[in-house]
Amino acid sequence: MARSSGGATAGMPSQRQLRVGELVRHALAEMLSRGIIRDPELERVLVTVAEVRVSPDMRHATAYVTLMGNREPDKTIEALNRNARFIRGQISPALKQMKYMPDLQFIIDTRFDDDNRIDQLLKSEAVSRDLDQPDEPGDGSDD
């Protein structure tokens, strides 16, 4: 009998990955809210951790962040990645139940921008025009 992969299907994270990702997210959010990173690129920037995805081997974690009060997000992400080892060291005591702390990588979370763009497309005149057109007879669709 073949062993299952912990209930995870192809491409889907396991329950353990989800749990560890959420633990890391909470620890990151707590640490970032205290403002202990001394980097000029991170001053006056509010960093919100939207999600943390952990690799199946638990060695790597990708933190998806949104930035408020920032005109240069690329520089802020670069600063977060530059300070990733320091951040990792700061949050590891909060995750003492883990055997080892995953390496961190920070990426801008663009889901809200994508949602806004899709919403604007759906409200566009071209889409409205297509939705208002009646079905052509004989188009092959059965109602």
N, C-alpha and C. Protein backbone atom coordinates (compact mmCIF):
# COMPACT_ATOMS: atom_id res chain seq x y z
N MET A 1 0.84 -1.17 0.00
CA MET A 1 0.00 0.00 0.00
C MET A 1 0.89 1.24 0.00
N ALA A 2 0.61 2.19 -0.87
CA ALA A 2 1.42 3.41 -0.99
C ALA A 2 1.10 4.37 0.14
N ARG A 3 2.14 5.04 0.61
CA ARG A 3 1.95 6.04 1.67
C ARG A 3 1.38 7.31 1.07
N SER A 4 0.49 7.92 1.81
CA SER A 4 -0.06 9.19 1.33
C SER A 4 0.88 10.31 1.72
N SER A 5 0.71 11.46 1.11
CA SER A 5 1.56 12.62 1.40
C SER A 5 0.94 13.50 2.46
N GLY A 6 0.33 12.89 3.46
CA GLY A 6 -0.26 13.67 4.54
C GLY A 6 -1.56 14.33 4.15
N GLY A 7 -2.21 13.80 3.12
CA GLY A 7 -3.49 14.35 2.73
C GLY A 7 -3.38 15.47 1.70
N ALA A 8 -2.17 15.87 1.36
CA ALA A 8 -2.00 16.95 0.40
C ALA A 8 -2.09 16.39 -1.01
N THR A 9 -2.81 17.07 -1.86
CA THR A 9 -2.88 16.68 -3.25
C THR A 9 -1.80 17.43 -4.00
N ALA A 10 -1.60 17.07 -5.24
CA ALA A 10 -0.55 17.69 -6.05
C ALA A 10 -0.69 19.20 -6.06
N GLY A 11 0.35 19.90 -5.64
CA GLY A 11 0.35 21.35 -5.66
C GLY A 11 -0.30 22.02 -4.46
N MET A 12 -0.96 21.25 -3.62
CA MET A 12 -1.63 21.82 -2.46
C MET A 12 -0.75 21.63 -1.23
N PRO A 13 -0.69 22.64 -0.35
CA PRO A 13 0.13 22.49 0.85
C PRO A 13 -0.51 21.53 1.85
N SER A 14 0.34 20.86 2.62
CA SER A 14 -0.16 19.95 3.65
C SER A 14 -0.66 20.75 4.84
N GLN A 15 -1.35 20.08 5.74
CA GLN A 15 -1.82 20.74 6.96
C GLN A 15 -0.64 21.26 7.77
N ARG A 16 0.44 20.51 7.79
CA ARG A 16 1.63 20.93 8.54
C ARG A 16 2.22 22.20 7.93
N GLN A 17 2.30 22.26 6.61
CA GLN A 17 2.80 23.47 5.94
C GLN A 17 1.93 24.67 6.28
N LEU A 18 0.62 24.49 6.24
CA LEU A 18 -0.30 25.59 6.54
C LEU A 18 -0.14 26.05 7.98
N ARG A 19 -0.02 25.10 8.90
CA ARG A 19 0.12 25.43 10.32
C ARG A 19 1.43 26.18 10.57
N VAL A 20 2.53 25.68 10.01
CA VAL A 20 3.83 26.33 10.20
C VAL A 20 3.82 27.71 9.54
N GLY A 21 3.23 27.82 8.36
CA GLY A 21 3.14 29.11 7.68
C GLY A 21 2.41 30.14 8.51
N GLU A 22 1.34 29.70 9.17
CA GLU A 22 0.57 30.62 10.01
C GLU A 22 1.36 31.01 11.26
N LEU A 23 2.08 30.06 11.84
CA LEU A 23 2.93 30.38 12.99
C LEU A 23 4.01 31.40 12.62
N VAL A 24 4.64 31.20 11.48
CA VAL A 24 5.68 32.13 11.02
C VAL A 24 5.06 33.49 10.73
N ARG A 25 3.88 33.51 10.12
CA ARG A 25 3.21 34.77 9.80
C ARG A 25 2.94 35.58 11.08
N HIS A 26 2.42 34.91 12.10
CA HIS A 26 2.14 35.60 13.36
C HIS A 26 3.41 36.13 14.00
N ALA A 27 4.48 35.32 13.99
CA ALA A 27 5.75 35.76 14.58
C ALA A 27 6.33 36.93 13.80
N LEU A 28 6.24 36.89 12.47
CA LEU A 28 6.73 38.00 11.64
C LEU A 28 5.94 39.28 11.91
N ALA A 29 4.63 39.16 11.94
CA ALA A 29 3.79 40.33 12.17
C ALA A 29 4.10 40.97 13.53
N GLU A 30 4.27 40.14 14.54
CA GLU A 30 4.61 40.65 15.88
C GLU A 30 5.95 41.36 15.87
N MET A 31 6.94 40.76 15.25
CA MET A 31 8.28 41.33 15.23
C MET A 31 8.32 42.62 14.40
N LEU A 32 7.68 42.63 13.26
CA LEU A 32 7.69 43.82 12.41
C LEU A 32 6.91 44.98 13.04
N SER A 33 5.91 44.67 13.83
CA SER A 33 5.13 45.74 14.46
C SER A 33 5.94 46.46 15.55
N ARG A 34 6.93 45.79 16.09
CA ARG A 34 7.77 46.42 17.13
C ARG A 34 8.79 47.38 16.54
N GLY A 35 9.07 47.31 15.24
CA GLY A 35 9.99 48.23 14.59
C GLY A 35 11.43 48.13 15.06
N ILE A 36 11.92 46.92 15.25
CA ILE A 36 13.28 46.77 15.76
C ILE A 36 14.34 46.67 14.67
N ILE A 37 13.93 46.62 13.42
CA ILE A 37 14.89 46.56 12.33
C ILE A 37 15.38 47.98 12.06
N ARG A 38 16.66 48.19 12.15
CA ARG A 38 17.26 49.50 11.93
C ARG A 38 17.78 49.59 10.50
N ASP A 39 16.87 49.91 9.60
CA ASP A 39 17.21 50.06 8.19
C ASP A 39 16.46 51.29 7.68
N PRO A 40 17.17 52.24 7.07
CA PRO A 40 16.48 53.45 6.59
C PRO A 40 15.37 53.18 5.58
N GLU A 41 15.50 52.11 4.82
CA GLU A 41 14.46 51.78 3.83
C GLU A 41 13.17 51.30 4.49
N LEU A 42 13.26 50.86 5.75
CA LEU A 42 12.08 50.33 6.43
C LEU A 42 11.46 51.31 7.41
N GLU A 43 12.07 52.49 7.53
CA GLU A 43 11.49 53.51 8.40
C GLU A 43 10.27 54.12 7.72
N ARG A 44 9.27 54.43 8.51
CA ARG A 44 8.03 55.04 8.04
C ARG A 44 7.29 54.19 6.99
N VAL A 45 7.50 52.88 7.06
CA VAL A 45 6.79 51.96 6.18
C VAL A 45 6.08 50.94 7.06
N LEU A 46 4.79 50.78 6.82
CA LEU A 46 4.02 49.78 7.54
C LEU A 46 4.00 48.51 6.69
N VAL A 47 4.54 47.44 7.25
CA VAL A 47 4.61 46.16 6.54
C VAL A 47 3.57 45.23 7.15
N THR A 48 2.68 44.72 6.31
CA THR A 48 1.66 43.77 6.73
C THR A 48 1.96 42.43 6.07
N VAL A 49 2.01 41.38 6.87
CA VAL A 49 2.28 40.04 6.35
C VAL A 49 0.94 39.38 6.03
N ALA A 50 0.66 39.22 4.74
CA ALA A 50 -0.62 38.67 4.32
C ALA A 50 -0.64 37.15 4.40
N GLU A 51 0.48 36.52 4.05
CA GLU A 51 0.53 35.06 4.01
C GLU A 51 1.98 34.62 4.04
N VAL A 52 2.22 33.45 4.59
CA VAL A 52 3.54 32.83 4.54
C VAL A 52 3.35 31.42 4.01
N ARG A 53 4.05 31.12 2.94
CA ARG A 53 4.01 29.78 2.35
C ARG A 53 5.33 29.08 2.65
N VAL A 54 5.22 27.87 3.17
CA VAL A 54 6.39 27.10 3.58
C VAL A 54 6.59 25.95 2.60
N SER A 55 7.85 25.69 2.25
CA SER A 55 8.15 24.58 1.35
C SER A 55 7.85 23.25 2.04
N PRO A 56 7.63 22.19 1.27
CA PRO A 56 7.31 20.89 1.87
C PRO A 56 8.37 20.38 2.85
N ASP A 57 9.63 20.73 2.64
CA ASP A 57 10.68 20.27 3.56
C ASP A 57 10.86 21.22 4.76
N MET A 58 10.06 22.27 4.83
CA MET A 58 10.06 23.24 5.93
C MET A 58 11.36 24.04 6.03
N ARG A 59 12.15 24.06 4.99
CA ARG A 59 13.43 24.76 5.02
C ARG A 59 13.33 26.19 4.49
N HIS A 60 12.30 26.48 3.71
CA HIS A 60 12.16 27.80 3.10
C HIS A 60 10.74 28.32 3.32
N ALA A 61 10.65 29.62 3.58
CA ALA A 61 9.34 30.26 3.76
C ALA A 61 9.31 31.54 2.95
N THR A 62 8.23 31.73 2.21
CA THR A 62 8.04 32.94 1.42
C THR A 62 6.94 33.75 2.07
N ALA A 63 7.29 34.97 2.48
CA ALA A 63 6.33 35.86 3.13
C ALA A 63 5.80 36.85 2.09
N TYR A 64 4.49 36.87 1.90
CA TYR A 64 3.84 37.80 1.00
C TYR A 64 3.40 39.00 1.83
N VAL A 65 3.94 40.17 1.50
CA VAL A 65 3.70 41.36 2.31
C VAL A 65 3.07 42.46 1.49
N THR A 66 2.29 43.29 2.19
CA THR A 66 1.77 44.52 1.60
C THR A 66 2.42 45.67 2.34
N LEU A 67 2.65 46.76 1.63
CA LEU A 67 3.38 47.89 2.17
C LEU A 67 2.50 49.13 2.12
N MET A 68 2.44 49.83 3.23
CA MET A 68 1.70 51.09 3.30
C MET A 68 2.67 52.22 3.56
N GLY A 69 2.43 53.36 2.95
CA GLY A 69 3.30 54.52 3.16
C GLY A 69 4.62 54.38 2.45
N ASN A 70 4.59 53.72 1.29
CA ASN A 70 5.83 53.44 0.59
C ASN A 70 5.69 53.79 -0.88
N ARG A 71 6.64 54.57 -1.35
CA ARG A 71 6.62 54.95 -2.76
C ARG A 71 7.58 54.10 -3.59
N GLU A 72 8.45 53.36 -2.92
CA GLU A 72 9.42 52.51 -3.62
C GLU A 72 9.38 51.10 -3.04
N PRO A 73 8.38 50.31 -3.44
CA PRO A 73 8.24 48.98 -2.85
C PRO A 73 9.41 48.05 -3.15
N ASP A 74 10.05 48.20 -4.30
CA ASP A 74 11.18 47.32 -4.63
C ASP A 74 12.32 47.50 -3.64
N LYS A 75 12.58 48.74 -3.24
CA LYS A 75 13.65 48.99 -2.27
C LYS A 75 13.29 48.43 -0.90
N THR A 76 12.02 48.49 -0.55
CA THR A 76 11.59 47.96 0.74
C THR A 76 11.71 46.44 0.77
N ILE A 77 11.30 45.80 -0.30
CA ILE A 77 11.43 44.34 -0.38
C ILE A 77 12.90 43.95 -0.35
N GLU A 78 13.73 44.70 -1.05
CA GLU A 78 15.17 44.45 -1.03
C GLU A 78 15.71 44.58 0.40
N ALA A 79 15.25 45.58 1.14
CA ALA A 79 15.69 45.79 2.52
C ALA A 79 15.22 44.63 3.41
N LEU A 80 13.99 44.18 3.23
CA LEU A 80 13.50 43.05 4.01
C LEU A 80 14.33 41.80 3.73
N ASN A 81 14.61 41.54 2.46
CA ASN A 81 15.41 40.37 2.11
C ASN A 81 16.85 40.51 2.60
N ARG A 82 17.37 41.72 2.60
CA ARG A 82 18.72 41.98 3.12
C ARG A 82 18.79 41.69 4.62
N ASN A 83 17.70 41.94 5.33
CA ASN A 83 17.63 41.73 6.78
C ASN A 83 16.97 40.40 7.15
N ALA A 84 16.79 39.52 6.20
CA ALA A 84 16.07 38.26 6.44
C ALA A 84 16.74 37.40 7.52
N ARG A 85 18.05 37.35 7.55
CA ARG A 85 18.73 36.54 8.57
C ARG A 85 18.50 37.11 9.97
N PHE A 86 18.56 38.43 10.08
CA PHE A 86 18.30 39.08 11.36
C PHE A 86 16.86 38.81 11.80
N ILE A 87 15.91 38.96 10.86
CA ILE A 87 14.49 38.73 11.16
C ILE A 87 14.29 37.28 11.60
N ARG A 88 14.92 36.37 10.89
CA ARG A 88 14.84 34.95 11.23
C ARG A 88 15.31 34.70 12.66
N GLY A 89 16.41 35.33 13.02
CA GLY A 89 16.93 35.19 14.37
C GLY A 89 16.01 35.78 15.43
N GLN A 90 15.30 36.84 15.07
CA GLN A 90 14.40 37.49 16.01
C GLN A 90 13.13 36.67 16.25
N ILE A 91 12.64 35.98 15.22
CA ILE A 91 11.39 35.24 15.39
C ILE A 91 11.60 33.79 15.81
N SER A 92 12.82 33.28 15.72
CA SER A 92 13.04 31.87 16.06
C SER A 92 12.68 31.53 17.51
N PRO A 93 12.90 32.41 18.52
CA PRO A 93 12.46 32.05 19.87
C PRO A 93 10.94 31.84 19.98
N ALA A 94 10.19 32.55 19.18
CA ALA A 94 8.73 32.39 19.21
C ALA A 94 8.30 31.07 18.58
N LEU A 95 9.20 30.45 17.83
CA LEU A 95 8.89 29.20 17.15
C LEU A 95 9.77 28.07 17.69
N LYS A 96 9.97 28.05 18.99
CA LYS A 96 10.88 27.08 19.60
C LYS A 96 10.41 25.64 19.45
N GLN A 97 9.13 25.42 19.14
CA GLN A 97 8.63 24.06 18.96
C GLN A 97 9.10 23.45 17.63
N MET A 98 9.65 24.29 16.76
CA MET A 98 10.13 23.80 15.46
C MET A 98 11.56 23.30 15.59
N LYS A 99 11.88 22.29 14.83
CA LYS A 99 13.22 21.71 14.85
C LYS A 99 14.24 22.70 14.31
N TYR A 100 13.89 23.39 13.23
CA TYR A 100 14.74 24.43 12.65
C TYR A 100 13.86 25.51 12.06
N MET A 101 14.45 26.67 11.94
CA MET A 101 13.73 27.83 11.42
C MET A 101 13.95 27.93 9.93
N PRO A 102 12.88 28.08 9.13
CA PRO A 102 13.07 28.17 7.67
C PRO A 102 13.74 29.49 7.27
N ASP A 103 14.46 29.44 6.15
CA ASP A 103 15.01 30.66 5.56
C ASP A 103 13.84 31.49 5.04
N LEU A 104 13.96 32.80 5.16
CA LEU A 104 12.87 33.69 4.77
C LEU A 104 13.16 34.41 3.47
N GLN A 105 12.12 34.59 2.69
CA GLN A 105 12.17 35.41 1.48
C GLN A 105 10.91 36.25 1.49
N PHE A 106 11.04 37.52 1.12
CA PHE A 106 9.91 38.44 1.11
C PHE A 106 9.54 38.81 -0.32
N ILE A 107 8.24 38.82 -0.59
CA ILE A 107 7.70 39.15 -1.91
C ILE A 107 6.50 40.06 -1.70
N ILE A 108 6.30 41.01 -2.60
CA ILE A 108 5.13 41.89 -2.53
C ILE A 108 3.89 41.08 -2.89
N ASP A 109 2.85 41.21 -2.08
CA ASP A 109 1.58 40.56 -2.34
C ASP A 109 0.76 41.46 -3.26
N THR A 110 0.51 40.99 -4.46
CA THR A 110 -0.20 41.80 -5.46
C THR A 110 -1.66 41.37 -5.63
N ARG A 111 -2.15 40.51 -4.75
CA ARG A 111 -3.52 40.01 -4.91
C ARG A 111 -4.55 41.12 -4.91
N PHE A 112 -4.39 42.12 -4.05
CA PHE A 112 -5.38 43.20 -3.99
C PHE A 112 -5.34 44.04 -5.26
N ASP A 113 -4.15 44.28 -5.79
CA ASP A 113 -4.03 45.00 -7.05
C ASP A 113 -4.65 44.20 -8.18
N ASP A 114 -4.42 42.88 -8.20
CA ASP A 114 -4.99 42.02 -9.22
C ASP A 114 -6.52 42.02 -9.12
N ASP A 115 -7.04 41.94 -7.90
CA ASP A 115 -8.50 41.97 -7.70
C ASP A 115 -9.09 43.28 -8.21
N ASN A 116 -8.43 44.38 -7.92
CA ASN A 116 -8.90 45.69 -8.37
C ASN A 116 -8.89 45.78 -9.90
N ARG A 117 -7.82 45.27 -10.51
CA ARG A 117 -7.71 45.30 -11.97
C ARG A 117 -8.82 44.46 -12.61
N ILE A 118 -9.08 43.28 -12.06
CA ILE A 118 -10.14 42.41 -12.60
C ILE A 118 -11.50 43.07 -12.41
N ASP A 119 -11.71 43.69 -11.26
CA ASP A 119 -12.97 44.39 -11.00
C ASP A 119 -13.19 45.51 -12.02
N GLN A 120 -12.15 46.27 -12.31
CA GLN A 120 -12.25 47.34 -13.31
C GLN A 120 -12.55 46.78 -14.69
N LEU A 121 -11.93 45.65 -15.04
CA LEU A 121 -12.21 45.02 -16.33
C LEU A 121 -13.66 44.57 -16.42
N LEU A 122 -14.18 43.98 -15.35
CA LEU A 122 -15.56 43.52 -15.36
C LEU A 122 -16.55 44.67 -15.46
N LYS A 123 -16.19 45.83 -14.96
CA LYS A 123 -17.05 47.00 -15.03
C LYS A 123 -16.87 47.79 -16.33
N SER A 124 -15.93 47.36 -17.16
CA SER A 124 -15.64 48.12 -18.37
C SER A 124 -16.81 48.04 -19.35
N GLU A 125 -16.85 49.02 -20.25
CA GLU A 125 -17.93 49.12 -21.23
C GLU A 125 -17.95 47.93 -22.18
N ALA A 126 -16.78 47.44 -22.57
CA ALA A 126 -16.71 46.31 -23.50
C ALA A 126 -17.33 45.05 -22.90
N VAL A 127 -17.07 44.79 -21.64
CA VAL A 127 -17.64 43.61 -20.99
C VAL A 127 -19.14 43.80 -20.81
N SER A 128 -19.57 44.97 -20.41
CA SER A 128 -21.00 45.24 -20.25
C SER A 128 -21.73 45.04 -21.58
N ARG A 129 -21.13 45.51 -22.65
CA ARG A 129 -21.73 45.37 -23.97
C ARG A 129 -21.87 43.89 -24.32
N ASP A 130 -20.85 43.08 -24.03
CA ASP A 130 -20.91 41.65 -24.33
C ASP A 130 -21.97 40.94 -23.48
N LEU A 131 -22.12 41.36 -22.24
CA LEU A 131 -23.10 40.73 -21.36
C LEU A 131 -24.52 41.09 -21.73
N ASP A 132 -24.73 42.28 -22.31
CA ASP A 132 -26.07 42.74 -22.67
C ASP A 132 -26.57 42.17 -23.98
N GLN A 133 -25.71 41.58 -24.79
CA GLN A 133 -26.12 41.03 -26.07
C GLN A 133 -26.89 39.73 -25.86
N PRO A 134 -28.05 39.60 -26.52
CA PRO A 134 -28.81 38.35 -26.40
C PRO A 134 -28.08 37.23 -27.14
N ASP A 135 -28.35 35.99 -26.72
CA ASP A 135 -27.76 34.84 -27.40
C ASP A 135 -28.26 34.77 -28.82
N GLU A 136 -27.35 34.44 -29.73
CA GLU A 136 -27.71 34.27 -31.14
C GLU A 136 -28.45 32.95 -31.31
N PRO A 137 -29.51 32.93 -32.10
CA PRO A 137 -30.18 31.64 -32.36
C PRO A 137 -29.24 30.72 -33.14
N GLY A 138 -29.25 29.45 -32.74
CA GLY A 138 -28.44 28.49 -33.42
C GLY A 138 -26.98 28.53 -33.03
N ASP A 139 -26.67 29.12 -31.88
CA ASP A 139 -25.28 29.21 -31.48
C ASP A 139 -24.79 27.95 -30.80
N GLY A 140 -25.68 26.96 -30.67
CA GLY A 140 -25.26 25.69 -30.14
C GLY A 140 -25.49 25.55 -28.64
N SER A 141 -25.96 26.61 -28.00
CA SER A 141 -26.19 26.49 -26.56
C SER A 141 -27.62 26.09 -26.30
N ASP A 142 -27.79 25.19 -25.37
CA ASP A 142 -29.14 24.74 -25.00
C ASP A 142 -29.48 25.36 -23.67
N ASP A 143 -30.56 26.10 -23.59
CA ASP A 143 -30.97 26.75 -22.35
C ASP A 143 -31.94 25.92 -21.61
